[in-house]
Amino acid sequence: MPDDPDQADAPPHRSYRLGHGTRSQPLAAGFAWPFGIDWDTNDPRRPLWLWEGVAHGSAAANVTPTEALAPTWREHFAICDAMWLLPLLERMAVGDAVGWEEVVRAHVAAHGVEPGPASTST
């Protein structure tokens, strides 16, 4: 299949892990409950996946930048060490264009590395 010239600058993976963390669950013998924030490069309207949990106990929400800025999600961003992402989401929420390259630069500034794929699939 020939390469699509419109996709020449597209990232190699569909989604990337922008933040990850855990919080101890006191009622579960201190189990480290995982939280994450992923970015879907194919969905500019709803680029964020905010998730938590393991297997059958997991949950996720696919949200817009405006929805992600709701106070309900602040702790999620803090647990995932992704507070650096909020200024970009604030800009997106008012209609500013924020490209994937800018998200990568902000991730590198915060963590020293580019974001990795959210899963082993591409």
PDB file of N, CA and C in Angstrom:
ATOM      1  N   MET A   1       0.853  -1.175   0.000  1.00  0.00           N
ATOM      2  CA  MET A   1       0.000   0.000   0.000  1.00  0.00           C
ATOM      3  C   MET A   1       0.899   1.239   0.000  1.00  0.00           C
ATOM      4  N   PRO A   2       0.675   2.183  -0.917  1.00  0.00           N
ATOM      5  CA  PRO A   2       1.513   3.381  -0.961  1.00  0.00           C
ATOM      6  C   PRO A   2       1.284   4.260   0.260  1.00  0.00           C
ATOM      7  N   ASP A   3       2.333   4.998   0.600  1.00  0.00           N
ATOM      8  CA  ASP A   3       2.221   5.920   1.736  1.00  0.00           C
ATOM      9  C   ASP A   3       1.276   7.058   1.381  1.00  0.00           C
ATOM     10  N   ASP A   4       0.488   7.484   2.335  1.00  0.00           N
ATOM     11  CA  ASP A   4      -0.434   8.598   2.159  1.00  0.00           C
ATOM     12  C   ASP A   4       0.323   9.889   2.446  1.00  0.00           C
ATOM     13  N   PRO A   5       0.500  10.784   1.453  1.00  0.00           N
ATOM     14  CA  PRO A   5       1.264  12.007   1.704  1.00  0.00           C
ATOM     15  C   PRO A   5       0.633  12.899   2.761  1.00  0.00           C
ATOM     16  N   ASP A   6      -0.695  12.807   2.952  1.00  0.00           N
ATOM     17  CA  ASP A   6      -1.354  13.611   3.976  1.00  0.00           C
ATOM     18  C   ASP A   6      -1.008  13.135   5.378  1.00  0.00           C
ATOM     19  N   GLN A   7      -0.507  11.919   5.496  1.00  0.00           N
ATOM     20  CA  GLN A   7      -0.166  11.352   6.797  1.00  0.00           C
ATOM     21  C   GLN A   7       1.339  11.336   7.044  1.00  0.00           C
ATOM     22  N   ALA A   8       2.102  12.009   6.200  1.00  0.00           N
ATOM     23  CA  ALA A   8       3.561  11.970   6.294  1.00  0.00           C
ATOM     24  C   ALA A   8       4.081  12.426   7.655  1.00  0.00           C
ATOM     25  N   ASP A   9       3.426  13.422   8.259  1.00  0.00           N
ATOM     26  CA  ASP A   9       3.878  13.940   9.550  1.00  0.00           C
ATOM     27  C   ASP A   9       3.117  13.343  10.722  1.00  0.00           C
ATOM     28  N   ALA A  10       2.253  12.391  10.453  1.00  0.00           N
ATOM     29  CA  ALA A  10       1.458  11.782  11.528  1.00  0.00           C
ATOM     30  C   ALA A  10       2.361  10.959  12.431  1.00  0.00           C
ATOM     31  N   PRO A  11       2.066  10.947  13.734  1.00  0.00           N
ATOM     32  CA  PRO A  11       2.857  10.124  14.645  1.00  0.00           C
ATOM     33  C   PRO A  11       2.664   8.641  14.314  1.00  0.00           C
ATOM     34  N   PRO A  12       3.648   7.806  14.661  1.00  0.00           N
ATOM     35  CA  PRO A  12       3.574   6.390  14.296  1.00  0.00           C
ATOM     36  C   PRO A  12       2.526   5.586  15.071  1.00  0.00           C
ATOM     37  N   HIS A  13       2.079   6.075  16.195  1.00  0.00           N
ATOM     38  CA  HIS A  13       1.077   5.369  16.992  1.00  0.00           C
ATOM     39  C   HIS A  13      -0.204   6.189  17.023  1.00  0.00           C
ATOM     40  N   ARG A  14      -1.288   5.534  17.313  1.00  0.00           N
ATOM     41  CA  ARG A  14      -2.562   6.243  17.395  1.00  0.00           C
ATOM     42  C   ARG A  14      -2.703   6.982  18.726  1.00  0.00           C
ATOM     43  N   SER A  15      -2.319   6.343  19.815  1.00  0.00           N
ATOM     44  CA  SER A  15      -2.481   6.999  21.113  1.00  0.00           C
ATOM     45  C   SER A  15      -1.207   6.903  21.940  1.00  0.00           C
ATOM     46  N   TYR A  16      -1.028   7.930  22.764  1.00  0.00           N
ATOM     47  CA  TYR A  16       0.191   8.064  23.561  1.00  0.00           C
ATOM     48  C   TYR A  16      -0.152   8.277  25.021  1.00  0.00           C
ATOM     49  N   ARG A  17       0.690   7.759  25.896  1.00  0.00           N
ATOM     50  CA  ARG A  17       0.534   7.918  27.336  1.00  0.00           C
ATOM     51  C   ARG A  17       1.175   9.236  27.749  1.00  0.00           C
ATOM     52  N   LEU A  18       0.361  10.186  28.219  1.00  0.00           N
ATOM     53  CA  LEU A  18       0.871  11.481  28.655  1.00  0.00           C
ATOM     54  C   LEU A  18       1.077  11.550  30.155  1.00  0.00           C
ATOM     55  N   GLY A  19       0.421  10.673  30.880  1.00  0.00           N
ATOM     56  CA  GLY A  19       0.581  10.667  32.324  1.00  0.00           C
ATOM     57  C   GLY A  19       0.144   9.343  32.898  1.00  0.00           C
ATOM     58  N   HIS A  20       0.782   8.979  33.999  1.00  0.00           N
ATOM     59  CA  HIS A  20       0.441   7.724  34.670  1.00  0.00           C
ATOM     60  C   HIS A  20       0.839   7.856  36.127  1.00  0.00           C
ATOM     61  N   GLY A  21       0.042   7.289  36.997  1.00  0.00           N
ATOM     62  CA  GLY A  21       0.374   7.308  38.412  1.00  0.00           C
ATOM     63  C   GLY A  21      -0.488   6.307  39.156  1.00  0.00           C
ATOM     64  N   THR A  22      -0.240   6.204  40.433  1.00  0.00           N
ATOM     65  CA  THR A  22      -1.033   5.304  41.273  1.00  0.00           C
ATOM     66  C   THR A  22      -1.413   6.016  42.559  1.00  0.00           C
ATOM     67  N   ARG A  23      -2.471   5.514  43.165  1.00  0.00           N
ATOM     68  CA  ARG A  23      -2.890   5.991  44.480  1.00  0.00           C
ATOM     69  C   ARG A  23      -3.197   4.764  45.320  1.00  0.00           C
ATOM     70  N   SER A  24      -2.692   4.755  46.520  1.00  0.00           N
ATOM     71  CA  SER A  24      -2.923   3.642  47.438  1.00  0.00           C
ATOM     72  C   SER A  24      -4.396   3.545  47.793  1.00  0.00           C
ATOM     73  N   GLN A  25      -4.904   2.330  47.803  1.00  0.00           N
ATOM     74  CA  GLN A  25      -6.306   2.086  48.147  1.00  0.00           C
ATOM     75  C   GLN A  25      -6.381   1.467  49.544  1.00  0.00           C
ATOM     76  N   PRO A  26      -6.673   2.261  50.557  1.00  0.00           N
ATOM     77  CA  PRO A  26      -6.663   1.761  51.932  1.00  0.00           C
ATOM     78  C   PRO A  26      -7.629   0.598  52.169  1.00  0.00           C
ATOM     79  N   LEU A  27      -8.753   0.583  51.487  1.00  0.00           N
ATOM     80  CA  LEU A  27      -9.718  -0.500  51.694  1.00  0.00           C
ATOM     81  C   LEU A  27      -9.355  -1.757  50.900  1.00  0.00           C
ATOM     82  N   ALA A  28      -8.256  -1.683  50.147  1.00  0.00           N
ATOM     83  CA  ALA A  28      -7.793  -2.838  49.366  1.00  0.00           C
ATOM     84  C   ALA A  28      -6.360  -3.175  49.751  1.00  0.00           C
ATOM     85  N   ALA A  29      -6.087  -3.162  51.034  1.00  0.00           N
ATOM     86  CA  ALA A  29      -4.762  -3.501  51.570  1.00  0.00           C
ATOM     87  C   ALA A  29      -3.650  -2.656  50.952  1.00  0.00           C
ATOM     88  N   GLY A  30      -3.969  -1.382  50.645  1.00  0.00           N
ATOM     89  CA  GLY A  30      -2.958  -0.479  50.120  1.00  0.00           C
ATOM     90  C   GLY A  30      -2.609  -0.707  48.658  1.00  0.00           C
ATOM     91  N   PHE A  31      -3.427  -1.453  47.929  1.00  0.00           N
ATOM     92  CA  PHE A  31      -3.156  -1.718  46.510  1.00  0.00           C
ATOM     93  C   PHE A  31      -2.926  -0.406  45.767  1.00  0.00           C
ATOM     94  N   ALA A  32      -1.917  -0.372  44.916  1.00  0.00           N
ATOM     95  CA  ALA A  32      -1.592   0.812  44.131  1.00  0.00           C
ATOM     96  C   ALA A  32      -2.507   0.880  42.904  1.00  0.00           C
ATOM     97  N   TRP A  33      -3.597   1.618  43.013  1.00  0.00           N
ATOM     98  CA  TRP A  33      -4.608   1.730  41.963  1.00  0.00           C
ATOM     99  C   TRP A  33      -4.067   2.629  40.850  1.00  0.00           C
ATOM    100  N   PRO A  34      -3.994   2.134  39.598  1.00  0.00           N
ATOM    101  CA  PRO A  34      -3.401   2.925  38.517  1.00  0.00           C
ATOM    102  C   PRO A  34      -4.374   3.943  37.911  1.00  0.00           C
ATOM    103  N   PHE A  35      -3.810   5.059  37.490  1.00  0.00           N
ATOM    104  CA  PHE A  35      -4.520   6.123  36.793  1.00  0.00           C
ATOM    105  C   PHE A  35      -3.696   6.492  35.565  1.00  0.00           C
ATOM    106  N   GLY A  36      -4.353   6.928  34.512  1.00  0.00           N
ATOM    107  CA  GLY A  36      -3.608   7.318  33.327  1.00  0.00           C
ATOM    108  C   GLY A  36      -4.327   8.350  32.492  1.00  0.00           C
ATOM    109  N   ILE A  37      -3.537   9.016  31.646  1.00  0.00           N
ATOM    110  CA  ILE A  37      -4.045   9.980  30.673  1.00  0.00           C
ATOM    111  C   ILE A  37      -3.383   9.650  29.343  1.00  0.00           C
ATOM    112  N   ASP A  38      -4.208   9.369  28.353  1.00  0.00           N
ATOM    113  CA  ASP A  38      -3.725   9.056  27.011  1.00  0.00           C
ATOM    114  C   ASP A  38      -4.252  10.086  26.025  1.00  0.00           C
ATOM    115  N   TRP A  39      -3.510  10.292  24.953  1.00  0.00           N
ATOM    116  CA  TRP A  39      -3.873  11.246  23.909  1.00  0.00           C
ATOM    117  C   TRP A  39      -4.081  10.490  22.609  1.00  0.00           C
ATOM    118  N   ASP A  40      -5.268  10.626  22.011  1.00  0.00           N
ATOM    119  CA  ASP A  40      -5.599   9.979  20.743  1.00  0.00           C
ATOM    120  C   ASP A  40      -5.287  10.957  19.615  1.00  0.00           C
ATOM    121  N   THR A  41      -4.254  10.663  18.832  1.00  0.00           N
ATOM    122  CA  THR A  41      -3.820  11.571  17.768  1.00  0.00           C
ATOM    123  C   THR A  41      -4.795  11.609  16.598  1.00  0.00           C
ATOM    124  N   ASN A  42      -5.748  10.691  16.540  1.00  0.00           N
ATOM    125  CA  ASN A  42      -6.707  10.653  15.433  1.00  0.00           C
ATOM    126  C   ASN A  42      -8.024  11.348  15.747  1.00  0.00           C
ATOM    127  N   ASP A  43      -8.167  11.895  16.941  1.00  0.00           N
ATOM    128  CA  ASP A  43      -9.446  12.505  17.313  1.00  0.00           C
ATOM    129  C   ASP A  43      -9.224  13.892  17.917  1.00  0.00           C
ATOM    130  N   PRO A  44      -9.094  14.928  17.079  1.00  0.00           N
ATOM    131  CA  PRO A  44      -8.811  16.258  17.616  1.00  0.00           C
ATOM    132  C   PRO A  44      -9.944  16.834  18.465  1.00  0.00           C
ATOM    133  N   ARG A  45     -11.172  16.364  18.276  1.00  0.00           N
ATOM    134  CA  ARG A  45     -12.292  16.882  19.067  1.00  0.00           C
ATOM    135  C   ARG A  45     -12.316  16.293  20.465  1.00  0.00           C
ATOM    136  N   ARG A  46     -12.013  15.011  20.602  1.00  0.00           N
ATOM    137  CA  ARG A  46     -11.990  14.324  21.891  1.00  0.00           C
ATOM    138  C   ARG A  46     -10.663  13.576  22.007  1.00  0.00           C
ATOM    139  N   PRO A  47      -9.563  14.310  22.184  1.00  0.00           N
ATOM    140  CA  PRO A  47      -8.255  13.649  22.146  1.00  0.00           C
ATOM    141  C   PRO A  47      -7.863  12.913  23.432  1.00  0.00           C
ATOM    142  N   LEU A  48      -8.559  13.164  24.509  1.00  0.00           N
ATOM    143  CA  LEU A  48      -8.111  12.632  25.800  1.00  0.00           C
ATOM    144  C   LEU A  48      -8.886  11.397  26.252  1.00  0.00           C
ATOM    145  N   TRP A  49      -8.136  10.443  26.764  1.00  0.00           N
ATOM    146  CA  TRP A  49      -8.712   9.293  27.470  1.00  0.00           C
ATOM    147  C   TRP A  49      -8.194   9.362  28.893  1.00  0.00           C
ATOM    148  N   LEU A  50      -9.084   9.532  29.842  1.00  0.00           N
ATOM    149  CA  LEU A  50      -8.742   9.543  31.264  1.00  0.00           C
ATOM    150  C   LEU A  50      -9.234   8.215  31.826  1.00  0.00           C
ATOM    151  N   TRP A  51      -8.328   7.458  32.409  1.00  0.00           N
ATOM    152  CA  TRP A  51      -8.693   6.107  32.844  1.00  0.00           C
ATOM    153  C   TRP A  51      -8.110   5.792  34.209  1.00  0.00           C
ATOM    154  N   GLU A  52      -8.687   4.769  34.806  1.00  0.00           N
ATOM    155  CA  GLU A  52      -8.171   4.258  36.076  1.00  0.00           C
ATOM    156  C   GLU A  52      -8.585   2.810  36.232  1.00  0.00           C
ATOM    157  N   GLY A  53      -7.828   2.104  37.042  1.00  0.00           N
ATOM    158  CA  GLY A  53      -8.210   0.754  37.407  1.00  0.00           C
ATOM    159  C   GLY A  53      -7.502  -0.355  36.661  1.00  0.00           C
ATOM    160  N   VAL A  54      -7.920  -1.570  37.023  1.00  0.00           N
ATOM    161  CA  VAL A  54      -7.324  -2.791  36.488  1.00  0.00           C
ATOM    162  C   VAL A  54      -8.439  -3.737  36.071  1.00  0.00           C
ATOM    163  N   ALA A  55      -8.307  -4.306  34.896  1.00  0.00           N
ATOM    164  CA  ALA A  55      -9.210  -5.352  34.394  1.00  0.00           C
ATOM    165  C   ALA A  55     -10.674  -4.973  34.573  1.00  0.00           C
ATOM    166  N   HIS A  56     -11.452  -5.819  35.251  1.00  0.00           N
ATOM    167  CA  HIS A  56     -12.893  -5.599  35.402  1.00  0.00           C
ATOM    168  C   HIS A  56     -13.213  -4.395  36.284  1.00  0.00           C
ATOM    169  N   GLY A  57     -12.238  -3.935  37.038  1.00  0.00           N
ATOM    170  CA  GLY A  57     -12.453  -2.781  37.903  1.00  0.00           C
ATOM    171  C   GLY A  57     -12.018  -1.477  37.257  1.00  0.00           C
ATOM    172  N   SER A  58     -11.795  -1.490  35.954  1.00  0.00           N
ATOM    173  CA  SER A  58     -11.302  -0.285  35.305  1.00  0.00           C
ATOM    174  C   SER A  58     -12.439   0.539  34.702  1.00  0.00           C
ATOM    175  N   ALA A  59     -12.138   1.796  34.462  1.00  0.00           N
ATOM    176  CA  ALA A  59     -13.104   2.712  33.853  1.00  0.00           C
ATOM    177  C   ALA A  59     -12.324   3.749  33.053  1.00  0.00           C
ATOM    178  N   ALA A  60     -12.964   4.277  32.007  1.00  0.00           N
ATOM    179  CA  ALA A  60     -12.319   5.301  31.184  1.00  0.00           C
ATOM    180  C   ALA A  60     -13.359   6.275  30.672  1.00  0.00           C
ATOM    181  N   ALA A  61     -12.887   7.479  30.385  1.00  0.00           N
ATOM    182  CA  ALA A  61     -13.742   8.499  29.784  1.00  0.00           C
ATOM    183  C   ALA A  61     -12.979   9.137  28.636  1.00  0.00           C
ATOM    184  N   ASN A  62     -13.608   9.245  27.488  1.00  0.00           N
ATOM    185  CA  ASN A  62     -13.049   9.935  26.328  1.00  0.00           C
ATOM    186  C   ASN A  62     -13.629  11.345  26.351  1.00  0.00           C
ATOM    187  N   VAL A  63     -12.782  12.339  26.608  1.00  0.00           N
ATOM    188  CA  VAL A  63     -13.280  13.687  26.883  1.00  0.00           C
ATOM    189  C   VAL A  63     -12.674  14.744  25.972  1.00  0.00           C
ATOM    190  N   THR A  64     -13.385  15.855  25.876  1.00  0.00           N
ATOM    191  CA  THR A  64     -12.891  17.034  25.176  1.00  0.00           C
ATOM    192  C   THR A  64     -11.960  17.792  26.121  1.00  0.00           C
ATOM    193  N   PRO A  65     -11.159  18.717  25.588  1.00  0.00           N
ATOM    194  CA  PRO A  65     -10.349  19.551  26.477  1.00  0.00           C
ATOM    195  C   PRO A  65     -11.196  20.299  27.506  1.00  0.00           C
ATOM    196  N   THR A  66     -12.339  20.824  27.102  1.00  0.00           N
ATOM    197  CA  THR A  66     -13.216  21.542  28.035  1.00  0.00           C
ATOM    198  C   THR A  66     -13.684  20.617  29.153  1.00  0.00           C
ATOM    199  N   GLU A  67     -14.102  19.418  28.818  1.00  0.00           N
ATOM    200  CA  GLU A  67     -14.555  18.462  29.836  1.00  0.00           C
ATOM    201  C   GLU A  67     -13.420  18.077  30.779  1.00  0.00           C
ATOM    202  N   ALA A  68     -12.212  17.942  30.240  1.00  0.00           N
ATOM    203  CA  ALA A  68     -11.062  17.561  31.072  1.00  0.00           C
ATOM    204  C   ALA A  68     -10.707  18.634  32.094  1.00  0.00           C
ATOM    205  N   LEU A  69     -11.099  19.879  31.821  1.00  0.00           N
ATOM    206  CA  LEU A  69     -10.793  20.985  32.737  1.00  0.00           C
ATOM    207  C   LEU A  69     -11.756  21.082  33.911  1.00  0.00           C
ATOM    208  N   ALA A  70     -12.781  20.255  33.937  1.00  0.00           N
ATOM    209  CA  ALA A  70     -13.728  20.273  35.053  1.00  0.00           C
ATOM    210  C   ALA A  70     -13.003  19.941  36.357  1.00  0.00           C
ATOM    211  N   PRO A  71     -13.379  20.574  37.462  1.00  0.00           N
ATOM    212  CA  PRO A  71     -12.729  20.309  38.747  1.00  0.00           C
ATOM    213  C   PRO A  71     -12.700  18.826  39.122  1.00  0.00           C
ATOM    214  N   THR A  72     -13.663  18.076  38.654  1.00  0.00           N
ATOM    215  CA  THR A  72     -13.734  16.636  38.933  1.00  0.00           C
ATOM    216  C   THR A  72     -12.455  15.913  38.535  1.00  0.00           C
ATOM    217  N   TRP A  73     -11.781  16.392  37.489  1.00  0.00           N
ATOM    218  CA  TRP A  73     -10.612  15.688  36.952  1.00  0.00           C
ATOM    219  C   TRP A  73      -9.284  16.186  37.510  1.00  0.00           C
ATOM    220  N   ARG A  74      -9.266  17.264  38.306  1.00  0.00           N
ATOM    221  CA  ARG A  74      -7.991  17.837  38.780  1.00  0.00           C
ATOM    222  C   ARG A  74      -7.133  16.813  39.516  1.00  0.00           C
ATOM    223  N   GLU A  75      -7.738  16.056  40.403  1.00  0.00           N
ATOM    224  CA  GLU A  75      -6.966  15.058  41.150  1.00  0.00           C
ATOM    225  C   GLU A  75      -6.381  14.011  40.204  1.00  0.00           C
ATOM    226  N   HIS A  76      -7.121  13.652  39.178  1.00  0.00           N
ATOM    227  CA  HIS A  76      -6.645  12.684  38.187  1.00  0.00           C
ATOM    228  C   HIS A  76      -5.354  13.199  37.531  1.00  0.00           C
ATOM    229  N   PHE A  77      -5.356  14.465  37.122  1.00  0.00           N
ATOM    230  CA  PHE A  77      -4.158  15.051  36.508  1.00  0.00           C
ATOM    231  C   PHE A  77      -3.003  15.097  37.505  1.00  0.00           C
ATOM    232  N   ALA A  78      -3.288  15.415  38.757  1.00  0.00           N
ATOM    233  CA  ALA A  78      -2.240  15.459  39.780  1.00  0.00           C
ATOM    234  C   ALA A  78      -1.641  14.078  40.020  1.00  0.00           C
ATOM    235  N   ILE A  79      -2.483  13.064  40.152  1.00  0.00           N
ATOM    236  CA  ILE A  79      -1.994  11.695  40.366  1.00  0.00           C
ATOM    237  C   ILE A  79      -1.110  11.260  39.199  1.00  0.00           C
ATOM    238  N   CYS A  80      -1.482  11.659  37.988  1.00  0.00           N
ATOM    239  CA  CYS A  80      -0.758  11.254  36.779  1.00  0.00           C
ATOM    240  C   CYS A  80       0.444  12.141  36.462  1.00  0.00           C
ATOM    241  N   ASP A  81       0.773  13.086  37.334  1.00  0.00           N
ATOM    242  CA  ASP A  81       1.868  14.025  37.101  1.00  0.00           C
ATOM    243  C   ASP A  81       1.705  14.698  35.737  1.00  0.00           C
ATOM    244  N   ALA A  82       0.489  15.171  35.466  1.00  0.00           N
ATOM    245  CA  ALA A  82       0.184  15.769  34.165  1.00  0.00           C
ATOM    246  C   ALA A  82      -0.427  17.166  34.294  1.00  0.00           C
ATOM    247  N   MET A  83      -0.139  17.854  35.386  1.00  0.00           N
ATOM    248  CA  MET A  83      -0.644  19.220  35.531  1.00  0.00           C
ATOM    249  C   MET A  83      -0.079  20.128  34.437  1.00  0.00           C
ATOM    250  N   TRP A  84       1.061  19.762  33.874  1.00  0.00           N
ATOM    251  CA  TRP A  84       1.683  20.509  32.785  1.00  0.00           C
ATOM    252  C   TRP A  84       0.767  20.591  31.554  1.00  0.00           C
ATOM    253  N   LEU A  85      -0.147  19.643  31.419  1.00  0.00           N
ATOM    254  CA  LEU A  85      -1.039  19.585  30.265  1.00  0.00           C
ATOM    255  C   LEU A  85      -2.185  20.601  30.350  1.00  0.00           C
ATOM    256  N   LEU A  86      -2.532  21.031  31.544  1.00  0.00           N
ATOM    257  CA  LEU A  86      -3.698  21.909  31.726  1.00  0.00           C
ATOM    258  C   LEU A  86      -3.625  23.221  30.940  1.00  0.00           C
ATOM    259  N   PRO A  87      -2.486  23.926  30.907  1.00  0.00           N
ATOM    260  CA  PRO A  87      -2.461  25.158  30.103  1.00  0.00           C
ATOM    261  C   PRO A  87      -2.750  24.913  28.614  1.00  0.00           C
ATOM    262  N   LEU A  88      -2.295  23.794  28.085  1.00  0.00           N
ATOM    263  CA  LEU A  88      -2.588  23.475  26.683  1.00  0.00           C
ATOM    264  C   LEU A  88      -4.077  23.213  26.497  1.00  0.00           C
ATOM    265  N   LEU A  89      -4.676  22.490  27.446  1.00  0.00           N
ATOM    266  CA  LEU A  89      -6.106  22.210  27.360  1.00  0.00           C
ATOM    267  C   LEU A  89      -6.927  23.489  27.502  1.00  0.00           C
ATOM    268  N   GLU A  90      -6.480  24.405  28.348  1.00  0.00           N
ATOM    269  CA  GLU A  90      -7.176  25.691  28.493  1.00  0.00           C
ATOM    270  C   GLU A  90      -7.176  26.448  27.171  1.00  0.00           C
ATOM    271  N   ARG A  91      -6.050  26.441  26.483  1.00  0.00           N
ATOM    272  CA  ARG A  91      -5.981  27.093  25.174  1.00  0.00           C
ATOM    273  C   ARG A  91      -6.909  26.411  24.180  1.00  0.00           C
ATOM    274  N   MET A  92      -6.900  25.082  24.164  1.00  0.00           N
ATOM    275  CA  MET A  92      -7.766  24.342  23.243  1.00  0.00           C
ATOM    276  C   MET A  92      -9.234  24.622  23.532  1.00  0.00           C
ATOM    277  N   ALA A  93      -9.566  24.748  24.809  1.00  0.00           N
ATOM    278  CA  ALA A  93     -10.962  24.970  25.204  1.00  0.00           C
ATOM    279  C   ALA A  93     -11.507  26.299  24.689  1.00  0.00           C
ATOM    280  N   VAL A  94     -10.629  27.268  24.450  1.00  0.00           N
ATOM    281  CA  VAL A  94     -11.092  28.558  23.917  1.00  0.00           C
ATOM    282  C   VAL A  94     -10.879  28.649  22.410  1.00  0.00           C
ATOM    283  N   GLY A  95     -10.531  27.529  21.786  1.00  0.00           N
ATOM    284  CA  GLY A  95     -10.437  27.489  20.327  1.00  0.00           C
ATOM    285  C   GLY A  95      -9.060  27.624  19.734  1.00  0.00           C
ATOM    286  N   ASP A  96      -8.022  27.746  20.558  1.00  0.00           N
ATOM    287  CA  ASP A  96      -6.666  27.807  20.015  1.00  0.00           C
ATOM    288  C   ASP A  96      -6.273  26.443  19.459  1.00  0.00           C
ATOM    289  N   ALA A  97      -5.554  26.459  18.361  1.00  0.00           N
ATOM    290  CA  ALA A  97      -5.048  25.216  17.781  1.00  0.00           C
ATOM    291  C   ALA A  97      -3.785  24.801  18.535  1.00  0.00           C
ATOM    292  N   VAL A  98      -3.799  23.606  19.071  1.00  0.00           N
ATOM    293  CA  VAL A  98      -2.634  23.037  19.746  1.00  0.00           C
ATOM    294  C   VAL A  98      -2.331  21.725  19.034  1.00  0.00           C
ATOM    295  N   GLY A  99      -1.220  21.687  18.336  1.00  0.00           N
ATOM    296  CA  GLY A  99      -0.857  20.495  17.574  1.00  0.00           C
ATOM    297  C   GLY A  99      -0.142  19.460  18.425  1.00  0.00           C
ATOM    298  N   TRP A 100      -0.069  18.259  17.892  1.00  0.00           N
ATOM    299  CA  TRP A 100       0.596  17.162  18.584  1.00  0.00           C
ATOM    300  C   TRP A 100       2.043  17.515  18.904  1.00  0.00           C
ATOM    301  N   GLU A 101       2.718  18.197  17.988  1.00  0.00           N
ATOM    302  CA  GLU A 101       4.120  18.557  18.215  1.00  0.00           C
ATOM    303  C   GLU A 101       4.273  19.427  19.460  1.00  0.00           C
ATOM    304  N   GLU A 102       3.307  20.320  19.690  1.00  0.00           N
ATOM    305  CA  GLU A 102       3.353  21.179  20.880  1.00  0.00           C
ATOM    306  C   GLU A 102       3.122  20.364  22.152  1.00  0.00           C
ATOM    307  N   VAL A 103       2.240  19.388  22.073  1.00  0.00           N
ATOM    308  CA  VAL A 103       2.004  18.499  23.215  1.00  0.00           C
ATOM    309  C   VAL A 103       3.287  17.733  23.536  1.00  0.00           C
ATOM    310  N   VAL A 104       3.964  17.239  22.510  1.00  0.00           N
ATOM    311  CA  VAL A 104       5.220  16.509  22.718  1.00  0.00           C
ATOM    312  C   VAL A 104       6.261  17.408  23.367  1.00  0.00           C
ATOM    313  N   ARG A 105       6.398  18.644  22.876  1.00  0.00           N
ATOM    314  CA  ARG A 105       7.375  19.572  23.475  1.00  0.00           C
ATOM    315  C   ARG A 105       7.067  19.834  24.949  1.00  0.00           C
ATOM    316  N   ALA A 106       5.792  19.998  25.277  1.00  0.00           N
ATOM    317  CA  ALA A 106       5.420  20.236  26.671  1.00  0.00           C
ATOM    318  C   ALA A 106       5.705  19.005  27.530  1.00  0.00           C
ATOM    319  N   HIS A 107       5.472  17.820  26.993  1.00  0.00           N
ATOM    320  CA  HIS A 107       5.768  16.580  27.725  1.00  0.00           C
ATOM    321  C   HIS A 107       7.271  16.467  27.977  1.00  0.00           C
ATOM    322  N   VAL A 108       8.062  16.763  26.959  1.00  0.00           N
ATOM    323  CA  VAL A 108       9.522  16.711  27.117  1.00  0.00           C
ATOM    324  C   VAL A 108       9.972  17.726  28.165  1.00  0.00           C
ATOM    325  N   ALA A 109       9.404  18.926  28.144  1.00  0.00           N
ATOM    326  CA  ALA A 109       9.768  19.938  29.139  1.00  0.00           C
ATOM    327  C   ALA A 109       9.441  19.472  30.555  1.00  0.00           C
ATOM    328  N   ALA A 110       8.339  18.738  30.697  1.00  0.00           N
ATOM    329  CA  ALA A 110       7.915  18.280  32.030  1.00  0.00           C
ATOM    330  C   ALA A 110       8.636  17.020  32.484  1.00  0.00           C
ATOM    331  N   HIS A 111       8.942  16.114  31.545  1.00  0.00           N
ATOM    332  CA  HIS A 111       9.452  14.788  31.928  1.00  0.00           C
ATOM    333  C   HIS A 111      10.811  14.422  31.332  1.00  0.00           C
ATOM    334  N   GLY A 112      11.307  15.216  30.415  1.00  0.00           N
ATOM    335  CA  GLY A 112      12.618  14.945  29.833  1.00  0.00           C
ATOM    336  C   GLY A 112      12.628  13.914  28.719  1.00  0.00           C
ATOM    337  N   VAL A 113      11.482  13.350  28.391  1.00  0.00           N
ATOM    338  CA  VAL A 113      11.380  12.341  27.325  1.00  0.00           C
ATOM    339  C   VAL A 113      10.087  12.571  26.550  1.00  0.00           C
ATOM    340  N   GLU A 114      10.058  12.068  25.316  1.00  0.00           N
ATOM    341  CA  GLU A 114       8.824  12.116  24.550  1.00  0.00           C
ATOM    342  C   GLU A 114       7.849  11.082  25.096  1.00  0.00           C
ATOM    343  N   PRO A 115       6.545  11.328  24.929  1.00  0.00           N
ATOM    344  CA  PRO A 115       5.570  10.340  25.407  1.00  0.00           C
ATOM    345  C   PRO A 115       5.671   9.044  24.601  1.00  0.00           C
ATOM    346  N   GLY A 116       5.461   7.943  25.273  1.00  0.00           N
ATOM    347  CA  GLY A 116       5.472   6.644  24.615  1.00  0.00           C
ATOM    348  C   GLY A 116       4.070   6.230  24.218  1.00  0.00           C
ATOM    349  N   PRO A 117       3.965   5.144  23.457  1.00  0.00           N
ATOM    350  CA  PRO A 117       2.642   4.681  23.053  1.00  0.00           C
ATOM    351  C   PRO A 117       1.820   4.260  24.261  1.00  0.00           C
ATOM    352  N   ALA A 118       0.498   4.438  24.147  1.00  0.00           N
ATOM    353  CA  ALA A 118      -0.396   4.074  25.247  1.00  0.00           C
ATOM    354  C   ALA A 118      -0.525   2.573  25.384  1.00  0.00           C
ATOM    355  N   SER A 119      -0.255   1.842  24.319  1.00  0.00           N
ATOM    356  CA  SER A 119      -0.329   0.375  24.367  1.00  0.00           C
ATOM    357  C   SER A 119       0.671  -0.179  23.370  1.00  0.00           C
ATOM    358  N   THR A 120       0.697  -1.481  23.246  1.00  0.00           N
ATOM    359  CA  THR A 120       1.617  -2.103  22.304  1.00  0.00           C
ATOM    360  C   THR A 120       1.078  -2.084  20.883  1.00  0.00           C
ATOM    361  N   SER A 121      -0.212  -1.713  20.709  1.00  0.00           N
ATOM    362  CA  SER A 121      -0.766  -1.639  19.368  1.00  0.00           C
ATOM    363  C   SER A 121      -0.491  -0.277  18.763  1.00  0.00           C
ATOM    364  N   THR A 122      -0.516  -0.216  17.457  1.00  0.00           N
ATOM    365  CA  THR A 122      -0.283   1.065  16.767  1.00  0.00           C
ATOM    366  C   THR A 122      -1.511   1.486  16.027  1.00  0.00           C
TER     367      THR A 122
END
